[in-house]
């Protein structure tokens, strides 16, 4: 076996870079699942409102026909009833609430992985390389299992996650911001 110039400091930096990259991917996926869940719930709420409105219009249209005897009311009621039926048939198979819950569950599972990656990066300097590699491999396997278990995110979810993370700094704190959540007696003084 050839003699390899082993530079432990360089290796630890490469290991840290790999862990930071993996953490970033988990944070993006975590956020994308939240955005997917939010979008699906918004779509579900919009469909429910449309169903109510269309049902009301079709009912009023038919009642107006009886009262006013105008054919236009029949058309309005009939078209509204047909659209309402279409939405009802769509939502029967769509199961949007279930789909949203799956994305929420994926995000919940990824939150724990995110926190474990963060802790592993913090522990990098005081942990053995073997322990770090074991934890990295375990976390990689956990993320893979989560990705197989839950629905995938789509391009829209990723774009919304990217905007939330880069522009809105959704998963970050400004310096001292997290400290403000501690009781006054537990906050670090003078830093």
C-alpha atoms as a PDB file:
ATOM      1  CA  UNK A   1       0.000   0.000   0.000  1.00  0.00           C
ATOM      2  CA  UNK A   2       1.362   3.414  -0.945  1.00  0.00           C
ATOM      3  CA  UNK A   3       2.286   5.847   1.784  1.00  0.00           C
ATOM      4  CA  UNK A   4      -0.457   8.472   1.894  1.00  0.00           C
ATOM      5  CA  UNK A   5       0.262  11.982   3.150  1.00  0.00           C
ATOM      6  CA  UNK A   6      -2.428  12.133   5.820  1.00  0.00           C
ATOM      7  CA  UNK A   7      -3.407  15.612   6.951  1.00  0.00           C
ATOM      8  CA  UNK A   8      -5.884  15.285   9.812  1.00  0.00           C
ATOM      9  CA  UNK A   9      -6.693  19.008   9.873  1.00  0.00           C
ATOM     10  CA  UNK A  10      -7.487  18.990   6.147  1.00  0.00           C
ATOM     11  CA  UNK A  11      -9.585  15.833   6.545  1.00  0.00           C
ATOM     12  CA  UNK A  12     -11.569  17.357   9.432  1.00  0.00           C
ATOM     13  CA  UNK A  13     -12.273  20.457   7.334  1.00  0.00           C
ATOM     14  CA  UNK A  14     -13.487  18.282   4.451  1.00  0.00           C
ATOM     15  CA  UNK A  15     -15.593  16.264   6.882  1.00  0.00           C
ATOM     16  CA  UNK A  16     -17.065  19.460   8.337  1.00  0.00           C
ATOM     17  CA  UNK A  17     -17.811  20.785   4.832  1.00  0.00           C
ATOM     18  CA  UNK A  18     -19.587  17.530   3.993  1.00  0.00           C
ATOM     19  CA  UNK A  19     -21.673  17.710   7.179  1.00  0.00           C
ATOM     20  CA  UNK A  20     -22.583  21.358   6.534  1.00  0.00           C
ATOM     21  CA  UNK A  21     -23.616  20.458   2.972  1.00  0.00           C
ATOM     22  CA  UNK A  22     -25.765  17.587   4.260  1.00  0.00           C
ATOM     23  CA  UNK A  23     -27.311  19.872   6.882  1.00  0.00           C
ATOM     24  CA  UNK A  24     -28.136  22.410   4.174  1.00  0.00           C
ATOM     25  CA  UNK A  25     -29.864  19.752   2.083  1.00  0.00           C
ATOM     26  CA  UNK A  26     -31.897  18.612   5.084  1.00  0.00           C
ATOM     27  CA  UNK A  27     -32.902  22.205   5.903  1.00  0.00           C
ATOM     28  CA  UNK A  28     -34.001  22.780   2.294  1.00  0.00           C
ATOM     29  CA  UNK A  29     -36.005  19.538   2.218  1.00  0.00           C
ATOM     30  CA  UNK A  30     -37.499  20.253   5.653  1.00  0.00           C
ATOM     31  CA  UNK A  31     -38.588  23.721   4.524  1.00  0.00           C
ATOM     32  CA  UNK A  32     -39.844  22.464   1.136  1.00  0.00           C
ATOM     33  CA  UNK A  33     -42.074  19.910   2.898  1.00  0.00           C
ATOM     34  CA  UNK A  34     -43.523  22.717   5.044  1.00  0.00           C
ATOM     35  CA  UNK A  35     -44.154  24.811   1.937  1.00  0.00           C
ATOM     36  CA  UNK A  36     -45.785  21.831   0.190  1.00  0.00           C
ATOM     37  CA  UNK A  37     -48.044  21.254   3.210  1.00  0.00           C
ATOM     38  CA  UNK A  38     -49.016  24.935   3.337  1.00  0.00           C
ATOM     39  CA  UNK A  39     -49.779  25.001  -0.398  1.00  0.00           C
ATOM     40  CA  UNK A  40     -51.911  21.858  -0.271  1.00  0.00           C
ATOM     41  CA  UNK A  41     -53.888  23.149   2.719  1.00  0.00           C
ATOM     42  CA  UNK A  42     -54.424  26.481   0.948  1.00  0.00           C
ATOM     43  CA  UNK A  43     -55.640  24.653  -2.165  1.00  0.00           C
ATOM     44  CA  UNK A  44     -57.958  22.494  -0.033  1.00  0.00           C
ATOM     45  CA  UNK A  45     -59.417  25.551   1.698  1.00  0.00           C
ATOM     46  CA  UNK A  46     -59.965  27.284  -1.660  1.00  0.00           C
ATOM     47  CA  UNK A  47     -61.743  24.245  -3.076  1.00  0.00           C
ATOM     48  CA  UNK A  48     -63.986  24.032  -0.011  1.00  0.00           C
ATOM     49  CA  UNK A  49     -64.945  27.703  -0.331  1.00  0.00           C
ATOM     50  CA  UNK A  50     -65.657  27.204  -4.059  1.00  0.00           C
ATOM     51  CA  UNK A  51     -67.857  24.190  -3.248  1.00  0.00           C
ATOM     52  CA  UNK A  52     -69.889  26.227  -0.782  1.00  0.00           C
ATOM     53  CA  UNK A  53     -70.232  29.175  -3.168  1.00  0.00           C
ATOM     54  CA  UNK A  54     -71.213  26.982  -6.140  1.00  0.00           C
ATOM     55  CA  UNK A  55     -73.724  25.044  -4.058  1.00  0.00           C
ATOM     56  CA  UNK A  56     -75.252  28.303  -2.851  1.00  0.00           C
ATOM     57  CA  UNK A  57     -75.417  29.743  -6.386  1.00  0.00           C
ATOM     58  CA  UNK A  58     -77.007  26.609  -7.799  1.00  0.00           C
ATOM     59  CA  UNK A  59     -79.583  26.537  -5.005  1.00  0.00           C
ATOM     60  CA  UNK A  60     -80.388  30.226  -5.413  1.00  0.00           C
ATOM     61  CA  UNK A  61     -80.535  29.786  -9.202  1.00  0.00           C
ATOM     62  CA  UNK A  62     -83.151  27.053  -8.988  1.00  0.00           C
ATOM     63  CA  UNK A  63     -85.152  28.882  -6.325  1.00  0.00           C
ATOM     64  CA  UNK A  64     -85.049  32.051  -8.444  1.00  0.00           C
ATOM     65  CA  UNK A  65     -86.363  30.073 -11.419  1.00  0.00           C
ATOM     66  CA  UNK A  66     -89.359  28.992  -9.398  1.00  0.00           C
ATOM     67  CA  UNK A  67     -90.027  32.537  -8.194  1.00  0.00           C
ATOM     68  CA  UNK A  68     -89.227  34.567 -11.339  1.00  0.00           C
ATOM     69  CA  UNK A  69     -89.679  31.927 -14.045  1.00  0.00           C
ATOM     70  CA  UNK A  70     -86.588  33.164 -15.969  1.00  0.00           C
ATOM     71  CA  UNK A  71     -84.617  30.645 -18.039  1.00  0.00           C
ATOM     72  CA  UNK A  72     -81.300  32.392 -17.306  1.00  0.00           C
ATOM     73  CA  UNK A  73     -81.640  31.258 -13.694  1.00  0.00           C
ATOM     74  CA  UNK A  74     -81.863  27.659 -14.883  1.00  0.00           C
ATOM     75  CA  UNK A  75     -78.580  28.077 -16.758  1.00  0.00           C
ATOM     76  CA  UNK A  76     -76.853  29.720 -13.796  1.00  0.00           C
ATOM     77  CA  UNK A  77     -78.120  27.028 -11.426  1.00  0.00           C
ATOM     78  CA  UNK A  78     -77.257  24.209 -13.831  1.00  0.00           C
ATOM     79  CA  UNK A  79     -73.728  25.428 -14.563  1.00  0.00           C
ATOM     80  CA  UNK A  80     -73.078  26.012 -10.860  1.00  0.00           C
ATOM     81  CA  UNK A  81     -74.371  22.541 -10.005  1.00  0.00           C
ATOM     82  CA  UNK A  82     -72.170  20.955 -12.699  1.00  0.00           C
ATOM     83  CA  UNK A  83     -69.079  22.805 -11.448  1.00  0.00           C
ATOM     84  CA  UNK A  84     -69.904  21.842  -7.881  1.00  0.00           C
ATOM     85  CA  UNK A  85     -70.263  18.204  -8.914  1.00  0.00           C
ATOM     86  CA  UNK A  86     -66.894  18.371 -10.682  1.00  0.00           C
ATOM     87  CA  UNK A  87     -65.205  19.750  -7.580  1.00  0.00           C
ATOM     88  CA  UNK A  88     -66.899  17.137  -5.394  1.00  0.00           C
ATOM     89  CA  UNK A  89     -65.670  14.337  -7.649  1.00  0.00           C
ATOM     90  CA  UNK A  90     -62.149  15.797  -7.663  1.00  0.00           C
ATOM     91  CA  UNK A  91     -61.970  16.121  -3.881  1.00  0.00           C
ATOM     92  CA  UNK A  92     -63.372  12.624  -3.395  1.00  0.00           C
ATOM     93  CA  UNK A  93     -60.148  11.140  -4.787  1.00  0.00           C
ATOM     94  CA  UNK A  94     -57.726  13.989  -4.046  1.00  0.00           C
ATOM     95  CA  UNK A  95     -57.444  13.450  -0.261  1.00  0.00           C
ATOM     96  CA  UNK A  96     -55.613  16.751   0.083  1.00  0.00           C
ATOM     97  CA  UNK A  97     -55.702  16.712   3.894  1.00  0.00           C
ATOM     98  CA  UNK A  98     -53.943  13.326   3.929  1.00  0.00           C
ATOM     99  CA  UNK A  99     -51.325  14.499   1.446  1.00  0.00           C
ATOM    100  CA  UNK A 100     -50.667  17.648   3.497  1.00  0.00           C
ATOM    101  CA  UNK A 101     -50.299  15.568   6.662  1.00  0.00           C
ATOM    102  CA  UNK A 102     -47.685  13.366   4.969  1.00  0.00           C
ATOM    103  CA  UNK A 103     -45.596  16.426   4.105  1.00  0.00           C
ATOM    104  CA  UNK A 104     -45.951  17.686   7.674  1.00  0.00           C
ATOM    105  CA  UNK A 105     -44.839  14.309   9.024  1.00  0.00           C
ATOM    106  CA  UNK A 106     -41.816  14.335   6.704  1.00  0.00           C
ATOM    107  CA  UNK A 107     -40.857  17.796   7.953  1.00  0.00           C
ATOM    108  CA  UNK A 108     -41.303  16.672  11.564  1.00  0.00           C
ATOM    109  CA  UNK A 109     -38.988  13.690  10.991  1.00  0.00           C
ATOM    110  CA  UNK A 110     -36.432  15.874   9.211  1.00  0.00           C
ATOM    111  CA  UNK A 111     -36.428  18.388  12.059  1.00  0.00           C
ATOM    112  CA  UNK A 112     -34.822  15.822  14.347  1.00  0.00           C
ATOM    113  CA  UNK A 113     -32.211  14.976  11.707  1.00  0.00           C
ATOM    114  CA  UNK A 114     -31.505  18.681  11.240  1.00  0.00           C
ATOM    115  CA  UNK A 115     -30.862  19.086  14.941  1.00  0.00           C
ATOM    116  CA  UNK A 116     -28.637  15.998  15.010  1.00  0.00           C
ATOM    117  CA  UNK A 117     -26.526  17.330  12.119  1.00  0.00           C
ATOM    118  CA  UNK A 118     -26.180  20.665  13.915  1.00  0.00           C
ATOM    119  CA  UNK A 119     -25.049  18.912  17.093  1.00  0.00           C
ATOM    120  CA  UNK A 120     -22.620  16.736  15.157  1.00  0.00           C
ATOM    121  CA  UNK A 121     -21.029  19.827  13.583  1.00  0.00           C
ATOM    122  CA  UNK A 122     -20.689  21.430  17.017  1.00  0.00           C
ATOM    123  CA  UNK A 123     -19.153  18.205  18.405  1.00  0.00           C
ATOM    124  CA  UNK A 124     -16.757  17.836  15.477  1.00  0.00           C
ATOM    125  CA  UNK A 125     -13.700  19.171  17.292  1.00  0.00           C
ATOM    126  CA  UNK A 126     -14.144  16.980  20.376  1.00  0.00           C
ATOM    127  CA  UNK A 127     -15.291  13.740  18.728  1.00  0.00           C
ATOM    128  CA  UNK A 128     -13.208  11.023  17.145  1.00  0.00           C
ATOM    129  CA  UNK A 129     -13.228  10.767  13.375  1.00  0.00           C
ATOM    130  CA  UNK A 130     -14.667   7.269  13.684  1.00  0.00           C
ATOM    131  CA  UNK A 131     -17.623   8.489  15.761  1.00  0.00           C
ATOM    132  CA  UNK A 132     -18.246  11.351  13.335  1.00  0.00           C
ATOM    133  CA  UNK A 133     -18.250   8.991  10.354  1.00  0.00           C
ATOM    134  CA  UNK A 134     -20.590   6.568  12.138  1.00  0.00           C
ATOM    135  CA  UNK A 135     -23.022   9.380  12.973  1.00  0.00           C
ATOM    136  CA  UNK A 136     -22.782  10.811   9.458  1.00  0.00           C
ATOM    137  CA  UNK A 137     -23.539   7.414   7.934  1.00  0.00           C
ATOM    138  CA  UNK A 138     -26.432   6.846  10.366  1.00  0.00           C
ATOM    139  CA  UNK A 139     -27.923  10.255   9.545  1.00  0.00           C
ATOM    140  CA  UNK A 140     -27.509   9.648   5.808  1.00  0.00           C
ATOM    141  CA  UNK A 141     -29.410   6.379   6.184  1.00  0.00           C
ATOM    142  CA  UNK A 142     -32.125   8.083   8.260  1.00  0.00           C
ATOM    143  CA  UNK A 143     -32.620  10.800   5.614  1.00  0.00           C
ATOM    144  CA  UNK A 144     -32.800   8.131   2.922  1.00  0.00           C
ATOM    145  CA  UNK A 145     -35.484   6.249   4.875  1.00  0.00           C
ATOM    146  CA  UNK A 146     -37.484   9.450   5.360  1.00  0.00           C
ATOM    147  CA  UNK A 147     -37.227  10.242   1.645  1.00  0.00           C
ATOM    148  CA  UNK A 148     -38.548   6.782   0.739  1.00  0.00           C
ATOM    149  CA  UNK A 149     -41.341   6.919   3.318  1.00  0.00           C
ATOM    150  CA  UNK A 150     -42.912  10.244   2.370  1.00  0.00           C
ATOM    151  CA  UNK A 151     -44.012  11.970  -0.860  1.00  0.00           C
ATOM    152  CA  UNK A 152     -41.408  13.950  -2.749  1.00  0.00           C
ATOM    153  CA  UNK A 153     -41.357  17.702  -2.869  1.00  0.00           C
ATOM    154  CA  UNK A 154     -41.746  19.405  -6.225  1.00  0.00           C
ATOM    155  CA  UNK A 155     -40.080  22.317  -7.969  1.00  0.00           C
ATOM    156  CA  UNK A 156     -42.583  24.797  -6.555  1.00  0.00           C
ATOM    157  CA  UNK A 157     -41.923  23.604  -3.002  1.00  0.00           C
ATOM    158  CA  UNK A 158     -38.179  23.940  -3.564  1.00  0.00           C
ATOM    159  CA  UNK A 159     -38.507  27.458  -5.025  1.00  0.00           C
ATOM    160  CA  UNK A 160     -40.671  28.538  -2.081  1.00  0.00           C
ATOM    161  CA  UNK A 161     -38.168  26.990   0.336  1.00  0.00           C
ATOM    162  CA  UNK A 162     -35.302  28.751  -1.423  1.00  0.00           C
ATOM    163  CA  UNK A 163     -37.089  32.097  -1.135  1.00  0.00           C
ATOM    164  CA  UNK A 164     -37.950  31.480   2.518  1.00  0.00           C
ATOM    165  CA  UNK A 165     -34.395  30.489   3.409  1.00  0.00           C
ATOM    166  CA  UNK A 166     -32.421  32.994   1.334  1.00  0.00           C
ATOM    167  CA  UNK A 167     -34.603  36.088   1.258  1.00  0.00           C
ATOM    168  CA  UNK A 168     -36.806  35.756   4.317  1.00  0.00           C
ATOM    169  CA  UNK A 169     -34.172  33.994   6.488  1.00  0.00           C
ATOM    170  CA  UNK A 170     -36.921  31.710   7.762  1.00  0.00           C
ATOM    171  CA  UNK A 171     -34.678  29.185   9.553  1.00  0.00           C
ATOM    172  CA  UNK A 172     -32.139  31.635  10.994  1.00  0.00           C
ATOM    173  CA  UNK A 173     -31.749  34.062  13.855  1.00  0.00           C
ATOM    174  CA  UNK A 174     -29.956  37.381  13.910  1.00  0.00           C
ATOM    175  CA  UNK A 175     -27.132  37.686  16.436  1.00  0.00           C
ATOM    176  CA  UNK A 176     -28.675  37.716  19.915  1.00  0.00           C
ATOM    177  CA  UNK A 177     -32.201  37.000  18.696  1.00  0.00           C
ATOM    178  CA  UNK A 178     -32.349  33.427  20.033  1.00  0.00           C
ATOM    179  CA  UNK A 179     -30.896  34.617  23.355  1.00  0.00           C
ATOM    180  CA  UNK A 180     -33.962  36.830  23.815  1.00  0.00           C
ATOM    181  CA  UNK A 181     -36.098  33.705  24.259  1.00  0.00           C
ATOM    182  CA  UNK A 182     -34.221  32.764  27.439  1.00  0.00           C
ATOM    183  CA  UNK A 183     -35.291  34.037  30.835  1.00  0.00           C
ATOM    184  CA  UNK A 184     -33.487  37.300  31.619  1.00  0.00           C
ATOM    185  CA  UNK A 185     -31.327  35.627  34.272  1.00  0.00           C
ATOM    186  CA  UNK A 186     -30.042  33.068  31.716  1.00  0.00           C
ATOM    187  CA  UNK A 187     -28.966  35.502  28.993  1.00  0.00           C
ATOM    188  CA  UNK A 188     -25.248  36.023  28.422  1.00  0.00           C
ATOM    189  CA  UNK A 189     -24.139  39.470  29.536  1.00  0.00           C
ATOM    190  CA  UNK A 190     -21.974  41.808  27.498  1.00  0.00           C
ATOM    191  CA  UNK A 191     -21.568  39.763  24.331  1.00  0.00           C
END
